[in-house]
Amino acid sequence: MEKIGVYPGSFGPITNGHMDVLRRSLEVFDRVILLLAVNPRKKSVFPVEERLAMMKEAVKDMDRVIVDATDGLTVDYCLAHGSRHIIRGLRAVTDFEYEFQLAAANRFAGPGVDMVFFMSGSDTAFISSSAINEMEASGVDISPLVPEVVARHYASRKKK
């Protein structure tokens, strides 16, 4: 039976930290669904369609990765798509506290769906979408921290 992992996030934007977790998750799972979890209460620099386009281009050479989106519960998405595993990255202790609570809520809402955690490497532990957005808005070259497609999208926004 194929092992499918679902890697959800707001990906606002997708970063090299996300890509690191995704690459390592492919060592464990046969297929990974990179899932844009749309949360209308969460602000993003890029609209949903643009984030999806960036995600698809960032993983275009990864044949075992599918990009999708949902505005529902991730556990419901997992159950509907044959996955029993939610993939998450952990950068710091503060991430653990949040993810611990999320894991308990997910077990309640979707019995049979478990969370699998990948620790960030020291070279990506400081990267978050919000930090990328702040640095970029302050004029910092964020290109070493994001897939090339993301850097291009930021550059095109400046030209407008």
Foldseek 3Di string as FASTA:
>chain_A
DFAEEEEEDQCLPPKVQNVVLVVVVVVVGVAYEYENADDVVDDHPDDPVLRQVLVCVLCVVPVRYHYYYDPDDPLVVQVVVVHQEYEDEDQDPVSVVVVVVVQVVSCVVHPSRGYDYDYGDPVQSVDDSVVLVVCVVVPHQCPVIGPPSVSVVSVVVVVD
